[in-house]
Amino acid sequence: MNEMSYRKLLVPLTGRANECAALEGTMRVAKKFNAHVVGLLAQPDAFDEVAHAGIEAGVMISGFVDSANNATSEIIRKTRAQFVEAATSEGVALTSVQGRSLGPTAEFAHVTGNAAQIFEEESRLSDMVAVCSGREADRSKTRDLLDSVLVGGSIPVLYFPRGCSGEIGSRIAIGYDGSTAAAHSVRAALPFLAQADSVQLMSLHGTRAGTHVALQKVQNYLALREISAQTDNTEHRASDLISAAKAKGCNLLVVGGYESKTMREWFLGGVADEFLDSNSSMAVLMAH
């Protein structure tokens, strides 16, 4: 992949009604890079679901399987319609044919099996995976997905909170702490950074090698690619990063994918609950 572009964007779908943020946001990103979007809906096998419920009588199994299959068909119909609506509203062509010359394109697919395993395997040959926040009851699924893709697949993740809308990546904040994950995130974000109107480097509390030195290294690295970045040597805590980036007018935050305990707790626990449930308009790009 050309380091200054994304070609394939994967959107894992589970049939939740509130996956619009990830779909709409990803379509906007596809337009930015003439990328191909794959909306992949993974559903468990109906017979396995019934078997796990402990139903053994033959007639009962048949009836429950039929009911489960009908429910699955409805989920597929609604999710496909949601995907088509997101693509159409953003002017992204619906086709399985791929190629940069075709402009932004999108296709919907449905598979049966273990969702976490399917998404992790499919992400391996994707340039980025887009996920969205869910309602409180769905947060564990969002966290499992982040773990599966970030750690298992080592693929960059673009996270969309429910309130995310509008332009993505025109003004970027990089939360940097000198970690391997943070460096990987900077490299993963290069296509966005190359097109950004402004880039702000922000130090995280506990930055390795010292705040000024760490940010200077990133600034020099980006300068080699003719990407200009401003530095903010104030040490920000992870929990304050979103608000600090928003105060600078940014619409995309780039951070390491919780390699450190602090970042993991921020995104998967405590503070994460507030963020996952917030109306923040800030998209977040992470790499492990």
Protein backbone atom coordinates (compact mmCIF):
# COMPACT_ATOMS: atom_id res chain seq x y z
CA MET A 1 0.00 0.00 0.00
CA ASN A 2 1.18 3.48 -0.81
CA GLU A 3 1.91 5.06 2.57
CA MET A 4 -0.12 8.10 1.55
CA SER A 5 -3.36 6.28 0.85
CA TYR A 6 -5.88 3.75 2.10
CA ARG A 7 -7.43 1.29 -0.34
CA LYS A 8 -9.59 -1.11 1.66
CA LEU A 9 -11.69 -0.09 4.67
CA LEU A 10 -13.45 -2.82 6.67
CA VAL A 11 -16.58 -2.07 8.70
CA PRO A 12 -17.49 -5.00 11.00
CA LEU A 13 -21.27 -5.10 11.43
CA THR A 14 -23.31 -6.93 14.05
CA GLY A 15 -26.81 -5.78 13.18
CA ARG A 16 -26.99 -3.09 15.87
CA ALA A 17 -29.24 -0.18 15.03
CA ASN A 18 -26.60 2.38 16.05
CA GLU A 19 -23.86 1.43 13.58
CA CYS A 20 -24.70 4.42 11.37
CA ALA A 21 -21.80 6.51 12.72
CA ALA A 22 -19.20 4.00 11.54
CA LEU A 23 -20.91 3.49 8.18
CA GLU A 24 -21.39 7.16 7.39
CA GLY A 25 -17.95 8.12 8.67
CA THR A 26 -16.24 5.38 6.68
CA MET A 27 -18.03 6.42 3.49
CA ARG A 28 -16.69 9.94 3.97
CA VAL A 29 -13.19 8.56 4.44
CA ALA A 30 -13.59 6.41 1.31
CA LYS A 31 -14.41 9.54 -0.70
CA LYS A 32 -11.29 11.20 0.67
CA PHE A 33 -9.00 8.41 -0.55
CA ASN A 34 -11.00 6.74 -3.36
CA ALA A 35 -11.08 3.64 -1.18
CA HIS A 36 -13.22 0.49 -1.23
CA VAL A 37 -15.49 -0.11 1.79
CA VAL A 38 -16.48 -3.62 2.83
CA GLY A 39 -19.42 -3.80 5.22
CA LEU A 40 -19.19 -7.27 6.76
CA LEU A 41 -22.09 -8.61 8.81
CA ALA A 42 -21.20 -11.66 10.92
CA GLN A 43 -24.01 -13.67 12.49
CA PRO A 44 -23.87 -16.86 14.60
CA ASP A 45 -25.23 -20.07 13.13
CA ALA A 46 -28.87 -20.50 14.15
CA PHE A 47 -28.50 -24.21 14.98
CA ASP A 48 -25.46 -23.52 17.17
CA GLU A 49 -27.35 -20.81 19.01
CA VAL A 50 -30.20 -23.18 19.76
CA ALA A 51 -27.81 -25.97 20.79
CA HIS A 52 -26.08 -23.63 23.22
CA ALA A 53 -29.43 -22.85 24.75
CA GLY A 54 -29.70 -26.50 25.74
CA ILE A 55 -32.75 -27.37 23.62
CA GLU A 56 -32.63 -31.05 22.70
CA ALA A 57 -36.07 -32.13 21.52
CA GLY A 58 -36.07 -32.55 17.72
CA VAL A 59 -39.35 -30.77 17.03
CA MET A 60 -38.49 -27.92 19.38
CA ILE A 61 -35.07 -27.53 17.77
CA SER A 62 -36.61 -27.30 14.33
CA GLY A 63 -39.06 -24.65 15.47
CA PHE A 64 -36.47 -22.58 17.27
CA VAL A 65 -34.03 -22.81 14.36
CA ASP A 66 -36.72 -21.60 11.96
CA SER A 67 -37.49 -18.71 14.29
CA ALA A 68 -33.79 -17.87 14.65
CA ASN A 69 -33.31 -18.00 10.87
CA ASN A 70 -36.23 -15.63 10.34
CA ALA A 71 -34.76 -13.21 12.86
CA THR A 72 -31.35 -13.43 11.17
CA SER A 73 -32.88 -12.74 7.75
CA GLU A 74 -34.52 -9.61 9.14
CA ILE A 75 -31.23 -8.43 10.65
CA ILE A 76 -29.48 -8.96 7.32
CA ARG A 77 -32.21 -7.03 5.49
CA LYS A 78 -32.10 -4.07 7.86
CA THR A 79 -28.30 -3.95 8.03
CA ARG A 80 -27.96 -4.14 4.26
CA ALA A 81 -30.49 -1.32 3.90
CA GLN A 82 -28.55 0.77 6.44
CA PHE A 83 -25.32 0.14 4.52
CA VAL A 84 -26.87 1.03 1.17
CA GLU A 85 -28.38 4.21 2.61
CA ALA A 86 -25.00 5.33 4.03
CA ALA A 87 -23.22 4.71 0.71
CA THR A 88 -25.92 6.35 -1.37
CA SER A 89 -26.13 9.43 0.83
CA GLU A 90 -22.38 9.98 0.45
CA GLY A 91 -22.34 9.25 -3.29
CA VAL A 92 -20.27 6.06 -2.95
CA ALA A 93 -20.90 3.51 -5.72
CA LEU A 94 -22.20 0.09 -4.65
CA THR A 95 -20.15 -2.56 -6.45
CA SER A 96 -17.81 -5.47 -5.74
CA VAL A 97 -15.54 -4.27 -8.55
CA GLN A 98 -12.56 -2.48 -7.07
CA GLY A 99 -10.03 -0.02 -8.45
CA ARG A 100 -8.80 3.45 -7.73
CA SER A 101 -9.96 4.70 -11.12
CA LEU A 102 -13.53 3.83 -10.18
CA GLY A 103 -13.56 6.31 -7.31
CA PRO A 104 -14.94 5.39 -3.87
CA THR A 105 -16.83 2.08 -3.88
CA ALA A 106 -18.61 -0.12 -1.34
CA GLU A 107 -19.96 -3.64 -1.01
CA PHE A 108 -22.00 -5.48 1.62
CA ALA A 109 -21.28 -9.08 2.66
CA HIS A 110 -22.82 -11.49 5.15
CA VAL A 111 -21.11 -14.50 6.73
CA THR A 112 -22.04 -17.00 9.44
CA GLY A 113 -19.75 -17.97 12.28
CA ASN A 114 -17.84 -16.60 15.25
CA ALA A 115 -17.90 -12.82 14.77
CA ALA A 116 -14.67 -11.98 16.63
CA GLN A 117 -12.72 -14.61 14.71
CA ILE A 118 -14.22 -13.61 11.36
CA PHE A 119 -13.52 -9.91 11.86
CA GLU A 120 -9.97 -10.52 13.02
CA GLU A 121 -9.24 -12.74 9.98
CA GLU A 122 -10.84 -10.34 7.50
CA SER A 123 -9.01 -7.37 8.97
CA ARG A 124 -5.61 -8.85 8.12
CA LEU A 125 -5.90 -7.76 4.50
CA SER A 126 -7.56 -4.44 5.20
CA ASP A 127 -5.84 -1.07 5.54
CA MET A 128 -8.10 0.09 8.35
CA VAL A 129 -11.06 -1.15 10.38
CA ALA A 130 -13.87 1.21 11.38
CA VAL A 131 -15.91 0.66 14.55
CA CYS A 132 -18.46 2.75 16.40
CA SER A 133 -19.54 3.16 19.99
CA GLY A 134 -22.60 1.34 21.18
CA ARG A 135 -25.21 1.67 23.83
CA GLU A 136 -24.21 0.71 27.34
CA ALA A 137 -25.33 -2.88 26.79
CA ASP A 138 -23.11 -3.14 23.68
CA ARG A 139 -19.90 -1.73 25.14
CA SER A 140 -18.39 -5.13 25.89
CA LYS A 141 -18.84 -6.08 22.21
CA THR A 142 -17.11 -2.88 21.13
CA ARG A 143 -14.20 -3.57 23.49
CA ASP A 144 -13.93 -7.20 22.34
CA LEU A 145 -13.83 -6.01 18.74
CA LEU A 146 -11.13 -3.43 19.51
CA ASP A 147 -9.05 -6.07 21.26
CA SER A 148 -9.53 -8.58 18.45
CA VAL A 149 -8.58 -6.23 15.63
CA LEU A 150 -5.97 -4.02 17.32
CA VAL A 151 -4.13 -6.78 19.14
CA GLY A 152 -5.03 -9.89 17.15
CA GLY A 153 -4.91 -8.41 13.68
CA SER A 154 -2.52 -5.49 14.39
CA ILE A 155 -4.63 -3.35 12.07
CA PRO A 156 -5.28 0.38 12.60
CA VAL A 157 -8.74 1.14 13.92
CA LEU A 158 -10.80 4.25 13.19
CA TYR A 159 -13.25 4.70 16.06
CA PHE A 160 -16.44 6.74 15.62
CA PRO A 161 -18.43 7.93 18.66
CA ARG A 162 -22.17 8.19 18.13
CA GLY A 163 -22.04 11.97 17.78
CA CYS A 164 -19.39 11.95 15.04
CA SER A 165 -20.38 13.80 11.87
CA GLY A 166 -18.93 16.15 9.30
CA GLU A 167 -15.34 16.40 8.10
CA ILE A 168 -12.81 13.83 9.33
CA GLY A 169 -9.08 14.45 9.30
CA SER A 170 -8.81 18.03 8.10
CA ARG A 171 -7.45 19.11 11.50
CA ILE A 172 -5.57 16.40 13.36
CA ALA A 173 -4.27 16.07 16.92
CA ILE A 174 -1.66 13.44 17.74
CA GLY A 175 -1.51 12.30 21.36
CA TYR A 176 2.06 11.04 21.70
CA ASP A 177 3.87 9.35 24.58
CA GLY A 178 6.90 7.88 22.81
CA SER A 179 5.55 4.32 22.95
CA THR A 180 5.74 1.79 20.12
CA ALA A 181 1.97 1.93 19.72
CA ALA A 182 2.01 5.72 19.44
CA ALA A 183 4.71 5.56 16.75
CA HIS A 184 2.72 2.92 14.86
CA SER A 185 -0.33 5.17 15.02
CA VAL A 186 1.57 8.09 13.51
CA ARG A 187 2.66 5.90 10.59
CA ALA A 188 -0.83 4.48 10.20
CA ALA A 189 -2.23 8.01 10.02
CA LEU A 190 0.16 9.22 7.28
CA PRO A 191 -2.53 9.29 4.55
CA PHE A 192 -4.69 11.53 6.76
CA LEU A 193 -1.73 13.63 7.86
CA ALA A 194 -0.60 14.24 4.28
CA GLN A 195 -3.97 15.81 3.44
CA ALA A 196 -4.60 17.64 6.72
CA ASP A 197 -4.90 21.42 6.88
CA SER A 198 -3.24 21.39 10.31
CA VAL A 199 -1.49 18.88 12.59
CA GLN A 200 -1.07 19.42 16.33
CA LEU A 201 1.38 17.29 18.35
CA MET A 202 0.25 16.87 21.95
CA SER A 203 2.26 15.26 24.72
CA LEU A 204 0.72 12.63 26.97
CA HIS A 205 1.51 12.52 30.68
CA GLY A 206 4.49 10.24 31.25
CA THR A 207 5.95 10.74 27.76
CA ARG A 208 9.11 8.71 27.32
CA ALA A 209 12.41 10.52 26.64
CA GLY A 210 10.87 13.81 27.74
CA THR A 211 8.11 15.86 26.18
CA HIS A 212 10.14 18.23 24.00
CA VAL A 213 12.49 15.54 22.66
CA ALA A 214 9.66 13.10 21.87
CA LEU A 215 7.52 15.65 20.03
CA GLN A 216 10.56 17.00 18.16
CA LYS A 217 11.26 13.50 16.83
CA VAL A 218 7.72 13.20 15.51
CA GLN A 219 7.87 16.68 14.03
CA ASN A 220 11.12 15.84 12.21
CA TYR A 221 9.71 12.52 10.97
CA LEU A 222 6.67 14.25 9.49
CA ALA A 223 8.79 17.02 8.00
CA LEU A 224 10.58 14.41 5.87
CA ARG A 225 7.20 13.86 4.22
CA GLU A 226 6.57 17.59 3.92
CA ILE A 227 3.95 17.45 6.67
CA SER A 228 4.06 20.49 8.94
CA ALA A 229 3.11 20.00 12.59
CA GLN A 230 2.84 22.33 15.58
CA THR A 231 3.87 21.16 19.04
CA ASP A 232 2.11 21.57 22.38
CA ASN A 233 4.57 20.70 25.15
CA THR A 234 1.90 20.71 27.86
CA GLU A 235 1.56 17.19 29.26
CA HIS A 236 -2.04 16.05 28.88
CA ARG A 237 -3.58 13.16 30.74
CA ALA A 238 -5.26 10.55 28.57
CA SER A 239 -8.64 11.34 30.09
CA ASP A 240 -8.34 14.99 28.97
CA LEU A 241 -7.10 14.32 25.47
CA ILE A 242 -10.43 14.53 23.64
CA SER A 243 -11.42 17.85 25.19
CA ALA A 244 -7.94 19.30 24.63
CA ALA A 245 -7.98 18.27 20.97
CA LYS A 246 -11.49 19.66 20.48
CA ALA A 247 -10.40 22.95 22.01
CA LYS A 248 -7.84 23.20 19.21
CA GLY A 249 -10.57 22.66 16.60
CA CYS A 250 -9.44 19.16 15.65
CA ASN A 251 -11.75 16.54 14.11
CA LEU A 252 -9.45 13.51 14.33
CA LEU A 253 -7.33 12.28 17.24
CA VAL A 254 -4.41 9.89 16.64
CA VAL A 255 -3.24 7.81 19.63
CA GLY A 256 -1.49 4.55 20.40
CA GLY A 257 -3.80 1.58 20.76
CA TYR A 258 -3.48 1.26 24.53
CA GLU A 259 -0.09 -0.39 24.56
CA SER A 260 0.33 1.16 27.97
CA LYS A 261 -1.86 0.37 30.97
CA THR A 262 -2.95 4.02 31.15
CA MET A 263 -4.26 4.10 27.57
CA ARG A 264 -5.94 0.70 27.98
CA GLU A 265 -7.76 1.84 31.10
CA TRP A 266 -8.74 5.09 29.35
CA PHE A 267 -10.30 3.31 26.43
CA LEU A 268 -11.59 0.07 27.94
CA GLY A 269 -12.53 1.00 31.48
CA GLY A 270 -13.43 3.91 33.76
CA VAL A 271 -12.93 6.93 31.56
CA ALA A 272 -13.78 4.84 28.49
CA ASP A 273 -17.33 4.40 29.74
CA GLU A 274 -17.76 8.17 29.70
CA PHE A 275 -16.17 8.46 26.26
CA LEU A 276 -18.09 5.55 24.69
CA ASP A 277 -21.31 7.01 26.00
CA SER A 278 -20.55 10.63 25.10
CA ASN A 279 -21.78 12.75 22.22
CA SER A 280 -18.23 13.61 21.24
CA SER A 281 -17.75 14.48 17.59
CA MET A 282 -14.12 13.36 17.64
CA ALA A 283 -13.10 10.34 15.59
CA VAL A 284 -10.06 8.45 16.97
CA LEU A 285 -7.42 6.56 14.98
CA MET A 286 -5.49 3.93 16.90
CA ALA A 287 -2.80 1.36 16.11
CA HIS A 288 -1.25 -1.24 18.38
